[in-house]
Amino acid sequence: MPSWAVELQGSQQIEQSATLVALRARAPIPIYLRPAPNQPNVGYGVNGDAVTVIERLASFWPEADESNAWNHIRLEHEPYTEGWVQGKFLLMEKADTHTHE
């Protein structure tokens, strides 16, 4: 189900598998309620957690890149937390380009 952000300019719906990555192996990765670091945490992920990226909210800062973009994610294990992380904490999986005949 799309979040409230789909109505914001710069929101892009995607359904893509990814893995959470942290600078330090055991460092918790905060998952935020809204796409901003001053929001409450709804949970934490750790390095290697499988997630689905539901949507991406582009940054409007000129110097920004994908590492600064906020991504609406869902953990693929219990408690299946949904929330927002910045792109620097995600390793996106390549889209499957194989066709099955």
C-alpha atoms as a PDB file:
ATOM      1  CA  MET A   1       0.000   0.000   0.000  1.00  0.00           C
ATOM      2  CA  PRO A   2       1.510   3.360  -0.964  1.00  0.00           C
ATOM      3  CA  SER A   3       2.385   5.744   1.838  1.00  0.00           C
ATOM      4  CA  TRP A   4       1.416   9.363   2.296  1.00  0.00           C
ATOM      5  CA  ALA A   5       4.615  10.344   0.407  1.00  0.00           C
ATOM      6  CA  VAL A   6       3.280   9.191  -2.971  1.00  0.00           C
ATOM      7  CA  GLU A   7       1.506  12.513  -3.198  1.00  0.00           C
ATOM      8  CA  LEU A   8       4.757  14.422  -2.756  1.00  0.00           C
ATOM      9  CA  GLN A   9       6.705  15.645  -5.742  1.00  0.00           C
ATOM     10  CA  GLY A  10       9.746  13.454  -6.251  1.00  0.00           C
ATOM     11  CA  SER A  11       8.177  10.278  -4.896  1.00  0.00           C
ATOM     12  CA  GLN A  12       8.845   7.228  -7.047  1.00  0.00           C
ATOM     13  CA  GLN A  13       7.025   3.938  -6.504  1.00  0.00           C
ATOM     14  CA  ILE A  14       9.366   0.959  -6.741  1.00  0.00           C
ATOM     15  CA  GLU A  15       9.221  -2.584  -5.447  1.00  0.00           C
ATOM     16  CA  GLN A  16      12.829  -3.671  -5.308  1.00  0.00           C
ATOM     17  CA  SER A  17      14.768  -6.037  -3.079  1.00  0.00           C
ATOM     18  CA  ALA A  18      17.711  -4.595  -1.203  1.00  0.00           C
ATOM     19  CA  THR A  19      19.987  -5.300   1.736  1.00  0.00           C
ATOM     20  CA  LEU A  20      20.703  -2.972   4.638  1.00  0.00           C
ATOM     21  CA  VAL A  21      24.362  -2.011   4.944  1.00  0.00           C
ATOM     22  CA  ALA A  22      26.072  -0.266   7.843  1.00  0.00           C
ATOM     23  CA  LEU A  23      29.484   1.330   8.197  1.00  0.00           C
ATOM     24  CA  ARG A  24      30.186  -1.007  11.127  1.00  0.00           C
ATOM     25  CA  ALA A  25      29.040  -4.639  11.033  1.00  0.00           C
ATOM     26  CA  ARG A  26      26.947  -4.579  14.210  1.00  0.00           C
ATOM     27  CA  ALA A  27      25.803  -0.954  14.107  1.00  0.00           C
ATOM     28  CA  PRO A  28      22.013  -0.582  14.300  1.00  0.00           C
ATOM     29  CA  ILE A  29      20.418   1.216  11.354  1.00  0.00           C
ATOM     30  CA  PRO A  30      17.513   3.390  12.512  1.00  0.00           C
ATOM     31  CA  ILE A  31      14.264   3.116  10.595  1.00  0.00           C
ATOM     32  CA  TYR A  32      12.337   6.374  10.844  1.00  0.00           C
ATOM     33  CA  LEU A  33       8.603   7.073  10.892  1.00  0.00           C
ATOM     34  CA  ARG A  34       8.951   9.799   8.222  1.00  0.00           C
ATOM     35  CA  PRO A  35      11.790  10.663   5.795  1.00  0.00           C
ATOM     36  CA  ALA A  36      13.808  12.885   8.145  1.00  0.00           C
ATOM     37  CA  PRO A  37      16.389  12.098  10.834  1.00  0.00           C
ATOM     38  CA  ASN A  38      14.558  14.142  13.490  1.00  0.00           C
ATOM     39  CA  GLN A  39      11.553  11.787  13.349  1.00  0.00           C
ATOM     40  CA  PRO A  40      10.824   9.008  15.856  1.00  0.00           C
ATOM     41  CA  ASN A  41      12.360   5.610  15.144  1.00  0.00           C
ATOM     42  CA  VAL A  42       9.913   2.827  14.378  1.00  0.00           C
ATOM     43  CA  GLY A  43      12.633   0.190  14.711  1.00  0.00           C
ATOM     44  CA  TYR A  44      16.135  -0.794  13.721  1.00  0.00           C
ATOM     45  CA  GLY A  45      17.741  -2.961  11.101  1.00  0.00           C
ATOM     46  CA  VAL A  46      21.218  -4.430  11.034  1.00  0.00           C
ATOM     47  CA  ASN A  47      23.855  -5.033   8.406  1.00  0.00           C
ATOM     48  CA  GLY A  48      22.660  -7.749   6.006  1.00  0.00           C
ATOM     49  CA  ASP A  49      18.915  -7.482   6.710  1.00  0.00           C
ATOM     50  CA  ALA A  50      16.805  -8.157   3.611  1.00  0.00           C
ATOM     51  CA  VAL A  51      14.296  -5.409   2.828  1.00  0.00           C
ATOM     52  CA  THR A  52      11.909  -4.389   0.093  1.00  0.00           C
ATOM     53  CA  VAL A  53      12.172  -0.780  -1.070  1.00  0.00           C
ATOM     54  CA  ILE A  54       8.584   0.343  -1.585  1.00  0.00           C
ATOM     55  CA  GLU A  55       9.256   3.873  -2.771  1.00  0.00           C
ATOM     56  CA  ARG A  56      11.981   6.466  -3.018  1.00  0.00           C
ATOM     57  CA  LEU A  57      11.674  10.140  -2.206  1.00  0.00           C
ATOM     58  CA  ALA A  58      14.253  12.148  -4.138  1.00  0.00           C
ATOM     59  CA  SER A  59      16.271  14.819  -2.393  1.00  0.00           C
ATOM     60  CA  PHE A  60      15.861  18.359  -3.666  1.00  0.00           C
ATOM     61  CA  TRP A  61      19.313  19.556  -2.608  1.00  0.00           C
ATOM     62  CA  PRO A  62      21.483  20.260  -5.682  1.00  0.00           C
ATOM     63  CA  GLU A  63      24.489  18.421  -4.218  1.00  0.00           C
ATOM     64  CA  ALA A  64      22.412  15.394  -3.224  1.00  0.00           C
ATOM     65  CA  ASP A  65      22.838  11.966  -4.734  1.00  0.00           C
ATOM     66  CA  GLU A  66      21.083   8.633  -4.233  1.00  0.00           C
ATOM     67  CA  SER A  67      22.839   8.097  -0.908  1.00  0.00           C
ATOM     68  CA  ASN A  68      20.849  11.060   0.464  1.00  0.00           C
ATOM     69  CA  ALA A  69      17.505   9.987  -0.997  1.00  0.00           C
ATOM     70  CA  TRP A  70      14.994   8.631   1.516  1.00  0.00           C
ATOM     71  CA  ASN A  71      13.632   5.152   0.874  1.00  0.00           C
ATOM     72  CA  HIS A  72      10.434   3.670   2.284  1.00  0.00           C
ATOM     73  CA  ILE A  73      11.362   0.107   3.230  1.00  0.00           C
ATOM     74  CA  ARG A  74       9.852  -3.011   4.755  1.00  0.00           C
ATOM     75  CA  LEU A  75      11.968  -5.542   6.643  1.00  0.00           C
ATOM     76  CA  GLU A  76      11.552  -9.022   5.164  1.00  0.00           C
ATOM     77  CA  HIS A  77      11.532 -10.734   8.569  1.00  0.00           C
ATOM     78  CA  GLU A  78       9.589 -10.276  11.775  1.00  0.00           C
ATOM     79  CA  PRO A  79       8.532  -7.774  12.941  1.00  0.00           C
ATOM     80  CA  TYR A  80       8.214  -6.661   9.258  1.00  0.00           C
ATOM     81  CA  THR A  81       8.806  -3.060  10.275  1.00  0.00           C
ATOM     82  CA  GLU A  82       8.064  -0.382   7.673  1.00  0.00           C
ATOM     83  CA  GLY A  83       9.747   2.989   7.700  1.00  0.00           C
ATOM     84  CA  TRP A  84      12.328   5.238   6.084  1.00  0.00           C
ATOM     85  CA  VAL A  85      16.109   4.977   5.673  1.00  0.00           C
ATOM     86  CA  GLN A  86      18.579   6.942   3.577  1.00  0.00           C
ATOM     87  CA  GLY A  87      20.040   5.387   0.443  1.00  0.00           C
ATOM     88  CA  LYS A  88      23.522   5.182   1.994  1.00  0.00           C
ATOM     89  CA  PHE A  89      22.210   2.296   4.133  1.00  0.00           C
ATOM     90  CA  LEU A  90      20.900   0.285   1.145  1.00  0.00           C
ATOM     91  CA  LEU A  91      22.511  -2.048  -1.348  1.00  0.00           C
ATOM     92  CA  MET A  92      19.964  -2.379  -4.141  1.00  0.00           C
ATOM     93  CA  GLU A  93      19.693  -5.694  -5.944  1.00  0.00           C
ATOM     94  CA  LYS A  94      19.873  -5.604  -9.694  1.00  0.00           C
ATOM     95  CA  ALA A  95      16.566  -6.096 -11.440  1.00  0.00           C
ATOM     96  CA  ASP A  96      16.084  -9.568 -12.869  1.00  0.00           C
ATOM     97  CA  THR A  97      16.374  -9.211 -16.634  1.00  0.00           C
ATOM     98  CA  HIS A  98      15.836 -12.903 -17.414  1.00  0.00           C
ATOM     99  CA  THR A  99      12.750 -13.880 -19.325  1.00  0.00           C
ATOM    100  CA  HIS A 100      11.180 -17.225 -18.623  1.00  0.00           C
ATOM    101  CA  GLU A 101       9.969 -19.065 -21.672  1.00  0.00           C
END
